[in-house]
Structure formats: C-alpha cells, structure tokens
Full PDB file with SEQRES, HELIX, SHEET, SSBOND, CRYST1, ORIGX, SCALE, CONECT and MASTER records, all heavy atoms in Angstrom:
SEQRES   1 A   36  ALA GLY LEU MET GLY ARG LEU ARG HIS HIS LEU PRO GLU          
SEQRES   2 A   36  LEU GLU ILE ALA PRO THR ASP GLU PHE GLY LEU PRO ALA          
SEQRES   3 A   36  ARG TRP VAL GLU VAL VAL LEU PHE ALA TYR                      
HELIX    1 AA1 GLY A    2  HIS A   10  1                                   9    
HELIX    2 AA2 THR A   19  PHE A   22  5                                   4    
HELIX    3 AA3 ALA A   26  TRP A   28  5                                   3    
HELIX    4 AA4 VAL A   29  ALA A   35  1                                   7    
CRYST1    1.000    1.000    1.000  90.00  90.00  90.00 P 1           1          
ORIGX1      1.000000  0.000000  0.000000        0.00000                         
ORIGX2      0.000000  1.000000  0.000000        0.00000                         
ORIGX3      0.000000  0.000000  1.000000        0.00000                         
SCALE1      1.000000  0.000000  0.000000        0.00000                         
SCALE2      0.000000  1.000000  0.000000        0.00000                         
SCALE3      0.000000  0.000000  1.000000        0.00000                         
ATOM      1  N   ALA A   1       1.618 -14.931  15.938  1.00  0.00           N  
ATOM      2  CA  ALA A   1       1.350 -15.616  14.672  1.00  0.00           C  
ATOM      3  C   ALA A   1       0.185 -16.587  14.799  1.00  0.00           C  
ATOM      4  O   ALA A   1      -0.623 -16.739  13.876  1.00  0.00           O  
ATOM      5  CB  ALA A   1       2.607 -16.341  14.195  1.00  0.00           C  
ATOM      6  N   GLY A   2       0.093 -17.254  15.940  1.00  0.00           N  
ATOM      7  CA  GLY A   2      -1.003 -18.198  16.138  1.00  0.00           C  
ATOM      8  C   GLY A   2      -2.350 -17.507  16.142  1.00  0.00           C  
ATOM      9  O   GLY A   2      -3.315 -17.993  15.544  1.00  0.00           O  
ATOM     10  N   LEU A   3      -2.433 -16.373  16.812  1.00  0.00           N  
ATOM     11  CA  LEU A   3      -3.691 -15.634  16.866  1.00  0.00           C  
ATOM     12  C   LEU A   3      -4.052 -15.078  15.495  1.00  0.00           C  
ATOM     13  O   LEU A   3      -5.226 -15.120  15.084  1.00  0.00           O  
ATOM     14  CB  LEU A   3      -3.569 -14.504  17.889  1.00  0.00           C  
ATOM     15  CG  LEU A   3      -4.832 -13.707  18.201  1.00  0.00           C  
ATOM     16  CD1 LEU A   3      -5.954 -14.624  18.657  1.00  0.00           C  
ATOM     17  CD2 LEU A   3      -4.535 -12.649  19.270  1.00  0.00           C  
ATOM     18  N   MET A   4      -3.069 -14.583  14.758  1.00  0.00           N  
ATOM     19  CA  MET A   4      -3.338 -14.102  13.401  1.00  0.00           C  
ATOM     20  C   MET A   4      -3.851 -15.239  12.524  1.00  0.00           C  
ATOM     21  O   MET A   4      -4.757 -15.053  11.706  1.00  0.00           O  
ATOM     22  CB  MET A   4      -2.071 -13.486  12.812  1.00  0.00           C  
ATOM     23  CG  MET A   4      -1.629 -12.198  13.483  1.00  0.00           C  
ATOM     24  SD  MET A   4      -2.720 -10.785  13.161  1.00  0.00           S  
ATOM     25  CE  MET A   4      -2.225 -10.390  11.463  1.00  0.00           C  
ATOM     26  N   GLY A   5      -3.289 -16.429  12.699  1.00  0.00           N  
ATOM     27  CA  GLY A   5      -3.759 -17.580  11.940  1.00  0.00           C  
ATOM     28  C   GLY A   5      -5.202 -17.925  12.263  1.00  0.00           C  
ATOM     29  O   GLY A   5      -5.985 -18.292  11.366  1.00  0.00           O  
ATOM     30  N   ARG A   6      -5.564 -17.824  13.524  1.00  0.00           N  
ATOM     31  CA  ARG A   6      -6.953 -18.107  13.914  1.00  0.00           C  
ATOM     32  C   ARG A   6      -7.906 -17.087  13.298  1.00  0.00           C  
ATOM     33  O   ARG A   6      -9.009 -17.442  12.854  1.00  0.00           O  
ATOM     34  CB  ARG A   6      -7.076 -18.109  15.436  1.00  0.00           C  
ATOM     35  CG  ARG A   6      -6.356 -19.261  16.110  1.00  0.00           C  
ATOM     36  CD  ARG A   6      -6.437 -19.173  17.635  1.00  0.00           C  
ATOM     37  NE  ARG A   6      -5.525 -20.109  18.262  1.00  0.00           N  
ATOM     38  CZ  ARG A   6      -5.800 -21.390  18.507  1.00  0.00           C  
ATOM     39  NH1 ARG A   6      -6.998 -21.863  18.191  1.00  0.00           N  
ATOM     40  NH2 ARG A   6      -4.914 -22.185  19.069  1.00  0.00           N  
ATOM     41  N   LEU A   7      -7.502 -15.808  13.277  1.00  0.00           N  
ATOM     42  CA  LEU A   7      -8.353 -14.799  12.653  1.00  0.00           C  
ATOM     43  C   LEU A   7      -8.547 -15.098  11.166  1.00  0.00           C  
ATOM     44  O   LEU A   7      -9.662 -14.980  10.636  1.00  0.00           O  
ATOM     45  CB  LEU A   7      -7.736 -13.410  12.834  1.00  0.00           C  
ATOM     46  CG  LEU A   7      -7.830 -12.786  14.221  1.00  0.00           C  
ATOM     47  CD1 LEU A   7      -7.018 -11.494  14.281  1.00  0.00           C  
ATOM     48  CD2 LEU A   7      -9.287 -12.509  14.596  1.00  0.00           C  
ATOM     49  N   ARG A   8      -7.481 -15.471  10.492  1.00  0.00           N  
ATOM     50  CA  ARG A   8      -7.595 -15.781   9.057  1.00  0.00           C  
ATOM     51  C   ARG A   8      -8.485 -17.001   8.832  1.00  0.00           C  
ATOM     52  O   ARG A   8      -9.220 -17.070   7.838  1.00  0.00           O  
ATOM     53  CB  ARG A   8      -6.205 -15.996   8.455  1.00  0.00           C  
ATOM     54  CG  ARG A   8      -5.369 -14.713   8.413  1.00  0.00           C  
ATOM     55  CD  ARG A   8      -4.062 -14.902   7.659  1.00  0.00           C  
ATOM     56  NE  ARG A   8      -3.346 -13.621   7.552  1.00  0.00           N  
ATOM     57  CZ  ARG A   8      -2.315 -13.278   8.306  1.00  0.00           C  
ATOM     58  NH1 ARG A   8      -1.831 -14.137   9.213  1.00  0.00           N  
ATOM     59  NH2 ARG A   8      -1.734 -12.095   8.162  1.00  0.00           N  
ATOM     60  N   HIS A   9      -8.424 -17.954   9.747  1.00  0.00           N  
ATOM     61  CA  HIS A   9      -9.272 -19.144   9.617  1.00  0.00           C  
ATOM     62  C   HIS A   9     -10.749 -18.778   9.753  1.00  0.00           C  
ATOM     63  O   HIS A   9     -11.592 -19.299   8.999  1.00  0.00           O  
ATOM     64  CB  HIS A   9      -8.876 -20.169  10.690  1.00  0.00           C  
ATOM     65  CG  HIS A   9      -9.814 -21.343  10.771  1.00  0.00           C  
ATOM     66  ND1 HIS A   9      -9.795 -22.363   9.837  1.00  0.00           N  
ATOM     67  CD2 HIS A   9     -10.798 -21.653  11.670  1.00  0.00           C  
ATOM     68  CE1 HIS A   9     -10.726 -23.254  10.154  1.00  0.00           C  
ATOM     69  NE2 HIS A   9     -11.345 -22.849  11.251  1.00  0.00           N  
ATOM     70  N   HIS A  10     -11.072 -17.911  10.689  1.00  0.00           N  
ATOM     71  CA  HIS A  10     -12.476 -17.580  10.945  1.00  0.00           C  
ATOM     72  C   HIS A  10     -13.006 -16.485  10.019  1.00  0.00           C  
ATOM     73  O   HIS A  10     -14.226 -16.311   9.930  1.00  0.00           O  
ATOM     74  CB  HIS A  10     -12.650 -17.169  12.400  1.00  0.00           C  
ATOM     75  CG  HIS A  10     -12.484 -18.300  13.366  1.00  0.00           C  
ATOM     76  ND1 HIS A  10     -13.362 -19.361  13.444  1.00  0.00           N  
ATOM     77  CD2 HIS A  10     -11.505 -18.555  14.283  1.00  0.00           C  
ATOM     78  CE1 HIS A  10     -12.954 -20.216  14.366  1.00  0.00           C  
ATOM     79  NE2 HIS A  10     -11.832 -19.757  14.891  1.00  0.00           N  
ATOM     80  N   LEU A  11     -12.118 -15.765   9.352  1.00  0.00           N  
ATOM     81  CA  LEU A  11     -12.536 -14.714   8.421  1.00  0.00           C  
ATOM     82  C   LEU A  11     -11.839 -14.935   7.071  1.00  0.00           C  
ATOM     83  O   LEU A  11     -11.065 -14.098   6.603  1.00  0.00           O  
ATOM     84  CB  LEU A  11     -12.176 -13.336   8.992  1.00  0.00           C  
ATOM     85  CG  LEU A  11     -12.891 -12.945  10.293  1.00  0.00           C  
ATOM     86  CD1 LEU A  11     -12.210 -11.731  10.940  1.00  0.00           C  
ATOM     87  CD2 LEU A  11     -14.369 -12.652  10.030  1.00  0.00           C  
ATOM     88  N   PRO A  12     -12.115 -16.062   6.421  1.00  0.00           N  
ATOM     89  CA  PRO A  12     -11.352 -16.430   5.221  1.00  0.00           C  
ATOM     90  C   PRO A  12     -11.555 -15.504   4.036  1.00  0.00           C  
ATOM     91  O   PRO A  12     -10.716 -15.468   3.134  1.00  0.00           O  
ATOM     92  CB  PRO A  12     -11.858 -17.844   4.918  1.00  0.00           C  
ATOM     93  CG  PRO A  12     -13.228 -17.897   5.512  1.00  0.00           C  
ATOM     94  CD  PRO A  12     -13.145 -17.068   6.759  1.00  0.00           C  
ATOM     95  N   GLU A  13     -12.626 -14.742   4.014  1.00  0.00           N  
ATOM     96  CA  GLU A  13     -12.909 -13.871   2.875  1.00  0.00           C  
ATOM     97  C   GLU A  13     -12.207 -12.521   2.975  1.00  0.00           C  
ATOM     98  O   GLU A  13     -12.221 -11.746   2.021  1.00  0.00           O  
ATOM     99  CB  GLU A  13     -14.429 -13.642   2.759  1.00  0.00           C  
ATOM    100  CG  GLU A  13     -15.244 -14.915   2.598  1.00  0.00           C  
ATOM    101  CD  GLU A  13     -14.838 -15.703   1.362  1.00  0.00           C  
ATOM    102  OE1 GLU A  13     -14.645 -15.077   0.307  1.00  0.00           O  
ATOM    103  OE2 GLU A  13     -14.720 -16.939   1.466  1.00  0.00           O  
ATOM    104  N   LEU A  14     -11.608 -12.237   4.117  1.00  0.00           N  
ATOM    105  CA  LEU A  14     -11.005 -10.927   4.335  1.00  0.00           C  
ATOM    106  C   LEU A  14      -9.501 -10.953   4.103  1.00  0.00           C  
ATOM    107  O   LEU A  14      -8.838 -11.958   4.335  1.00  0.00           O  
ATOM    108  CB  LEU A  14     -11.258 -10.448   5.778  1.00  0.00           C  
ATOM    109  CG  LEU A  14     -12.544  -9.645   6.021  1.00  0.00           C  
ATOM    110  CD1 LEU A  14     -13.763 -10.511   5.820  1.00  0.00           C  
ATOM    111  CD2 LEU A  14     -12.531  -9.052   7.418  1.00  0.00           C  
ATOM    112  N   GLU A  15      -8.996  -9.810   3.648  1.00  0.00           N  
ATOM    113  CA  GLU A  15      -7.557  -9.580   3.658  1.00  0.00           C  
ATOM    114  C   GLU A  15      -7.192  -9.132   5.073  1.00  0.00           C  
ATOM    115  O   GLU A  15      -7.710  -8.126   5.560  1.00  0.00           O  
ATOM    116  CB  GLU A  15      -7.184  -8.490   2.652  1.00  0.00           C  
ATOM    117  CG  GLU A  15      -7.413  -8.873   1.210  1.00  0.00           C  
ATOM    118  CD  GLU A  15      -6.409  -9.920   0.724  1.00  0.00           C  
ATOM    119  OE1 GLU A  15      -5.284  -9.951   1.278  1.00  0.00           O  
ATOM    120  OE2 GLU A  15      -6.761 -10.685  -0.178  1.00  0.00           O  
ATOM    121  N   ILE A  16      -6.317  -9.873   5.724  1.00  0.00           N  
ATOM    122  CA  ILE A  16      -5.952  -9.581   7.109  1.00  0.00           C  
ATOM    123  C   ILE A  16      -4.456  -9.331   7.179  1.00  0.00           C  
ATOM    124  O   ILE A  16      -3.656 -10.159   6.738  1.00  0.00           O  
ATOM    125  CB  ILE A  16      -6.352 -10.743   8.045  1.00  0.00           C  
ATOM    126  CG1 ILE A  16      -7.871 -10.961   7.997  1.00  0.00           C  
ATOM    127  CG2 ILE A  16      -5.894 -10.464   9.478  1.00  0.00           C  
ATOM    128  CD1 ILE A  16      -8.365 -12.131   8.838  1.00  0.00           C  
ATOM    129  N   ALA A  17      -4.074  -8.176   7.724  1.00  0.00           N  
ATOM    130  CA  ALA A  17      -2.654  -7.824   7.784  1.00  0.00           C  
ATOM    131  C   ALA A  17      -2.429  -6.826   8.899  1.00  0.00           C  
ATOM    132  O   ALA A  17      -3.339  -6.071   9.274  1.00  0.00           O  
ATOM    133  CB  ALA A  17      -2.197  -7.215   6.457  1.00  0.00           C  
ATOM    134  N   PRO A  18      -1.223  -6.785   9.458  1.00  0.00           N  
ATOM    135  CA  PRO A  18      -0.897  -5.748  10.445  1.00  0.00           C  
ATOM    136  C   PRO A  18      -0.934  -4.364   9.795  1.00  0.00           C  
ATOM    137  O   PRO A  18      -0.773  -4.224   8.574  1.00  0.00           O  
ATOM    138  CB  PRO A  18       0.528  -6.110  10.881  1.00  0.00           C  
ATOM    139  CG  PRO A  18       0.750  -7.518  10.444  1.00  0.00           C  
ATOM    140  CD  PRO A  18      -0.104  -7.714   9.237  1.00  0.00           C  
ATOM    141  N   THR A  19      -1.125  -3.355  10.611  1.00  0.00           N  
ATOM    142  CA  THR A  19      -1.167  -1.983  10.096  1.00  0.00           C  
ATOM    143  C   THR A  19       0.174  -1.553   9.515  1.00  0.00           C  
ATOM    144  O   THR A  19       0.221  -0.540   8.794  1.00  0.00           O  
ATOM    145  CB  THR A  19      -1.571  -1.002  11.204  1.00  0.00           C  
ATOM    146  OG1 THR A  19      -0.675  -1.156  12.324  1.00  0.00           O  
ATOM    147  CG2 THR A  19      -2.998  -1.245  11.657  1.00  0.00           C  
ATOM    148  N   ASP A  20       1.245  -2.295   9.786  1.00  0.00           N  
ATOM    149  CA  ASP A  20       2.548  -1.980   9.190  1.00  0.00           C  
ATOM    150  C   ASP A  20       2.437  -1.818   7.676  1.00  0.00           C  
ATOM    151  O   ASP A  20       3.115  -0.979   7.071  1.00  0.00           O  
ATOM    152  CB  ASP A  20       3.558  -3.098   9.481  1.00  0.00           C  
ATOM    153  CG  ASP A  20       3.746  -3.361  10.968  1.00  0.00           C  
ATOM    154  OD1 ASP A  20       2.746  -3.724  11.623  1.00  0.00           O  
ATOM    155  OD2 ASP A  20       4.875  -3.222  11.457  1.00  0.00           O  
ATOM    156  N   GLU A  21       1.582  -2.641   7.062  1.00  0.00           N  
ATOM    157  CA  GLU A  21       1.444  -2.613   5.609  1.00  0.00           C  
ATOM    158  C   GLU A  21       0.764  -1.333   5.120  1.00  0.00           C  
ATOM    159  O   GLU A  21       0.743  -1.064   3.923  1.00  0.00           O  
ATOM    160  CB  GLU A  21       0.688  -3.854   5.137  1.00  0.00           C  
ATOM    161  CG  GLU A  21       1.439  -5.155   5.448  1.00  0.00           C  
ATOM    162  CD  GLU A  21       0.826  -6.367   4.790  1.00  0.00           C  
ATOM    163  OE1 GLU A  21      -0.055  -6.189   3.902  1.00  0.00           O  
ATOM    164  OE2 GLU A  21       1.213  -7.499   5.144  1.00  0.00           O  
ATOM    165  N   PHE A  22       0.213  -0.555   6.058  1.00  0.00           N  
ATOM    166  CA  PHE A  22      -0.417   0.719   5.694  1.00  0.00           C  
ATOM    167  C   PHE A  22       0.323   1.889   6.337  1.00  0.00           C  
ATOM    168  O   PHE A  22      -0.240   2.967   6.524  1.00  0.00           O  
ATOM    169  CB  PHE A  22      -1.892   0.703   6.090  1.00  0.00           C  
ATOM    170  CG  PHE A  22      -2.744  -0.084   5.131  1.00  0.00           C  
ATOM    171  CD1 PHE A  22      -2.713  -1.469   5.139  1.00  0.00           C  
ATOM    172  CD2 PHE A  22      -3.533   0.550   4.182  1.00  0.00           C  
ATOM    173  CE1 PHE A  22      -3.469  -2.210   4.247  1.00  0.00           C  
ATOM    174  CE2 PHE A  22      -4.291  -0.170   3.285  1.00  0.00           C  
ATOM    175  CZ  PHE A  22      -4.257  -1.558   3.309  1.00  0.00           C  
ATOM    176  N   GLY A  23       1.576   1.658   6.693  1.00  0.00           N  
ATOM    177  CA  GLY A  23       2.439   2.761   7.068  1.00  0.00           C  
ATOM    178  C   GLY A  23       2.595   3.059   8.540  1.00  0.00           C  
ATOM    179  O   GLY A  23       3.335   3.984   8.903  1.00  0.00           O  
ATOM    180  N   LEU A  24       1.913   2.312   9.417  1.00  0.00           N  
ATOM    181  CA  LEU A  24       2.035   2.583  10.845  1.00  0.00           C  
ATOM    182  C   LEU A  24       2.276   1.268  11.576  1.00  0.00           C  
ATOM    183  O   LEU A  24       1.411   0.387  11.568  1.00  0.00           O  
ATOM    184  CB  LEU A  24       0.769   3.257  11.373  1.00  0.00           C  
ATOM    185  CG  LEU A  24       0.858   3.906  12.760  1.00  0.00           C  
ATOM    186  CD1 LEU A  24       1.962   4.951  12.806  1.00  0.00           C  
ATOM    187  CD2 LEU A  24      -0.471   4.539  13.138  1.00  0.00           C  
ATOM    188  N   PRO A  25       3.443   1.106  12.214  1.00  0.00           N  
ATOM    189  CA  PRO A  25       3.757  -0.164  12.873  1.00  0.00           C  
ATOM    190  C   PRO A  25       2.711  -0.545  13.917  1.00  0.00           C  
ATOM    191  O   PRO A  25       2.330   0.268  14.765  1.00  0.00           O  
ATOM    192  CB  PRO A  25       5.116   0.102  13.533  1.00  0.00           C  
ATOM    193  CG  PRO A  25       5.717   1.202  12.727  1.00  0.00           C  
ATOM    194  CD  PRO A  25       4.555   2.066  12.311  1.00  0.00           C  
ATOM    195  N   ALA A  26       2.254  -1.794  13.836  1.00  0.00           N  
ATOM    196  CA  ALA A  26       1.195  -2.267  14.728  1.00  0.00           C  
ATOM    197  C   ALA A  26       1.557  -2.087  16.191  1.00  0.00           C  
ATOM    198  O   ALA A  26       0.698  -1.799  17.029  1.00  0.00           O  
ATOM    199  CB  ALA A  26       0.905  -3.737  14.434  1.00  0.00           C  
ATOM    200  N   ARG A  27       2.831  -2.232  16.485  1.00  0.00           N  
ATOM    201  CA  ARG A  27       3.322  -2.139  17.872  1.00  0.00           C  
ATOM    202  C   ARG A  27       3.077  -0.760  18.478  1.00  0.00           C  
ATOM    203  O   ARG A  27       2.939  -0.637  19.705  1.00  0.00           O  
ATOM    204  CB  ARG A  27       4.823  -2.466  17.866  1.00  0.00           C  
ATOM    205  CG  ARG A  27       5.590  -2.170  19.137  1.00  0.00           C  
ATOM    206  CD  ARG A  27       5.230  -3.136  20.243  1.00  0.00           C  
ATOM    207  NE  ARG A  27       6.076  -2.919  21.403  1.00  0.00           N  
ATOM    208  CZ  ARG A  27       5.899  -1.951  22.303  1.00  0.00           C  
ATOM    209  NH1 ARG A  27       4.892  -1.097  22.149  1.00  0.00           N  
ATOM    210  NH2 ARG A  27       6.700  -1.834  23.348  1.00  0.00           N  
ATOM    211  N   TRP A  28       3.002   0.293  17.644  1.00  0.00           N  
ATOM    212  CA  TRP A  28       2.997   1.650  18.162  1.00  0.00           C  
ATOM    213  C   TRP A  28       1.722   2.431  17.849  1.00  0.00           C  
ATOM    214  O   TRP A  28       1.646   3.623  18.136  1.00  0.00           O  
ATOM    215  CB  TRP A  28       4.214   2.410  17.639  1.00  0.00           C  
ATOM    216  CG  TRP A  28       5.501   1.756  18.037  1.00  0.00           C  
ATOM    217  CD1 TRP A  28       6.320   1.004  17.245  1.00  0.00           C  
ATOM    218  CD2 TRP A  28       6.096   1.748  19.345  1.00  0.00           C  
ATOM    219  NE1 TRP A  28       7.391   0.535  17.971  1.00  0.00           N  
ATOM    220  CE2 TRP A  28       7.289   0.981  19.259  1.00  0.00           C  
ATOM    221  CE3 TRP A  28       5.744   2.331  20.569  1.00  0.00           C  
ATOM    222  CZ2 TRP A  28       8.108   0.769  20.371  1.00  0.00           C  
ATOM    223  CZ3 TRP A  28       6.567   2.119  21.666  1.00  0.00           C  
ATOM    224  CH2 TRP A  28       7.736   1.353  21.554  1.00  0.00           C  
ATOM    225  N   VAL A  29       0.719   1.779  17.285  1.00  0.00           N  
ATOM    226  CA  VAL A  29      -0.495   2.514  16.893  1.00  0.00           C  
ATOM    227  C   VAL A  29      -1.165   3.156  18.107  1.00  0.00           C  
ATOM    228  O   VAL A  29      -1.563   4.332  18.073  1.00  0.00           O  
ATOM    229  CB  VAL A  29      -1.492   1.593  16.163  1.00  0.00           C  
ATOM    230  CG1 VAL A  29      -2.820   2.305  15.939  1.00  0.00           C  
ATOM    231  CG2 VAL A  29      -0.915   1.147  14.822  1.00  0.00           C  
ATOM    232  N   GLU A  30      -1.289   2.412  19.193  1.00  0.00           N  
ATOM    233  CA  GLU A  30      -2.046   2.941  20.331  1.00  0.00           C  
ATOM    234  C   GLU A  30      -1.366   4.150  20.963  1.00  0.00           C  
ATOM    235  O   GLU A  30      -2.025   5.117  21.343  1.00  0.00           O  
ATOM    236  CB  GLU A  30      -2.280   1.859  21.383  1.00  0.00           C  
ATOM    237  CG  GLU A  30      -3.248   2.322  22.464  1.00  0.00           C  
ATOM    238  CD  GLU A  30      -3.760   1.194  23.332  1.00  0.00           C  
ATOM    239  OE1 GLU A  30      -3.100   0.137  23.410  1.00  0.00           O  
ATOM    240  OE2 GLU A  30      -4.829   1.377  23.945  1.00  0.00           O  
ATOM    241  N   VAL A  31      -0.051   4.120  21.064  1.00  0.00           N  
ATOM    242  CA  VAL A  31       0.610   5.269  21.682  1.00  0.00           C  
ATOM    243  C   VAL A  31       0.575   6.482  20.750  1.00  0.00           C  
ATOM    244  O   VAL A  31       0.473   7.628  21.211  1.00  0.00           O  
ATOM    245  CB  VAL A  31       2.054   4.903  22.106  1.00  0.00           C  
ATOM    246  CG1 VAL A  31       2.974   4.746  20.930  1.00  0.00           C  
ATOM    247  CG2 VAL A  31       2.607   5.942  23.076  1.00  0.00           C  
ATOM    248  N   VAL A  32       0.598   6.259  19.434  1.00  0.00           N  
ATOM    249  CA  VAL A  32       0.426   7.365  18.490  1.00  0.00           C  
ATOM    250  C   VAL A  32      -0.956   8.004  18.670  1.00  0.00           C  
ATOM    251  O   VAL A  32      -1.119   9.217  18.496  1.00  0.00           O  
ATOM    252  CB  VAL A  32       0.628   6.884  17.042  1.00  0.00           C  
ATOM    253  CG1 VAL A  32       0.207   7.944  16.029  1.00  0.00           C  
ATOM    254  CG2 VAL A  32       2.094   6.504  16.818  1.00  0.00           C  
ATOM    255  N   LEU A  33      -1.942   7.191  19.042  1.00  0.00           N  
ATOM    256  CA  LEU A  33      -3.279   7.718  19.292  1.00  0.00           C  
ATOM    257  C   LEU A  33      -3.255   8.876  20.283  1.00  0.00           C  
ATOM    258  O   LEU A  33      -3.929   9.890  20.079  1.00  0.00           O  
ATOM    259  CB  LEU A  33      -4.181   6.599  19.819  1.00  0.00           C  
ATOM    260  CG  LEU A  33      -5.502   7.027  20.469  1.00  0.00           C  
ATOM    261  CD1 LEU A  33      -6.428   7.642  19.429  1.00  0.00           C  
ATOM    262  CD2 LEU A  33      -6.167   5.839  21.165  1.00  0.00           C  
ATOM    263  N   PHE A  34      -2.476   8.746  21.340  1.00  0.00           N  
ATOM    264  CA  PHE A  34      -2.515   9.779  22.373  1.00  0.00           C  
ATOM    265  C   PHE A  34      -1.750  11.028  21.957  1.00  0.00           C  
ATOM    266  O   PHE A  34      -2.082  12.140  22.394  1.00  0.00           O  
ATOM    267  CB  PHE A  34      -2.060   9.199  23.707  1.00  0.00           C  
ATOM    268  CG  PHE A  34      -3.032   8.150  24.177  1.00  0.00           C  
ATOM    269  CD1 PHE A  34      -2.730   6.803  24.094  1.00  0.00           C  
ATOM    270  CD2 PHE A  34      -4.288   8.522  24.608  1.00  0.00           C  
ATOM    271  CE1 PHE A  34      -3.656   5.839  24.456  1.00  0.00           C  
ATOM    272  CE2 PHE A  34      -5.234   7.568  24.980  1.00  0.00           C  
ATOM    273  CZ  PHE A  34      -4.916   6.218  24.900  1.00  0.00           C  
ATOM    274  N   ALA A  35      -0.770  10.884  21.086  1.00  0.00           N  
ATOM    275  CA  ALA A  35      -0.165  12.064  20.472  1.00  0.00           C  
ATOM    276  C   ALA A  35      -1.197  12.766  19.582  1.00  0.00           C  
ATOM    277  O   ALA A  35      -1.302  14.002  19.568  1.00  0.00           O  
ATOM    278  CB  ALA A  35       1.059  11.659  19.651  1.00  0.00           C  
ATOM    279  N   TYR A  36      -1.976  11.988  18.840  1.00  0.00           N  
ATOM    280  CA  TYR A  36      -3.012  12.536  17.961  1.00  0.00           C  
ATOM    281  C   TYR A  36      -4.098  13.244  18.761  1.00  0.00           C  
ATOM    282  O   TYR A  36      -4.527  14.362  18.418  1.00  0.00           O  
ATOM    283  CB  TYR A  36      -3.620  11.401  17.133  1.00  0.00           C  
ATOM    284  CG  TYR A  36      -4.794  11.801  16.281  1.00  0.00           C  
ATOM    285  CD1 TYR A  36      -4.598  12.467  15.077  1.00  0.00           C  
ATOM    286  CD2 TYR A  36      -6.096  11.507  16.668  1.00  0.00           C  
ATOM    287  CE1 TYR A  36      -5.676  12.841  14.282  1.00  0.00           C  
ATOM    288  CE2 TYR A  36      -7.178  11.871  15.888  1.00  0.00           C  
ATOM    289  CZ  TYR A  36      -6.968  12.540  14.702  1.00  0.00           C  
ATOM    290  OH  TYR A  36      -8.038  12.906  13.931  1.00  0.00           O  
TER     291      TYR A  36                                                      
MASTER        0    0    0    4    0    0    0    6  290    1    0    3          
END                                                                             
C-alpha cells in the first residue's frame, strides 16, 4: 500500500490500479505469462 501511494503521489494525473480491476489478479500475472 505504501508503494502504491508513492506511485499515485508522483503520477497524480493517472488512474493507478492493480490488474485485478481488469480481470487478472496482480499476484498471478507473471506466472500466467509463462503459460501464455
């Protein structure tokens, strides 16, 4: 949460969110890459 807050502070004009909000849990994106 702290790191996400820092990103939002330095990029205030952007919508910043985990990939969960687009259907793929952030925790598992990289391992899905190798299946892909």
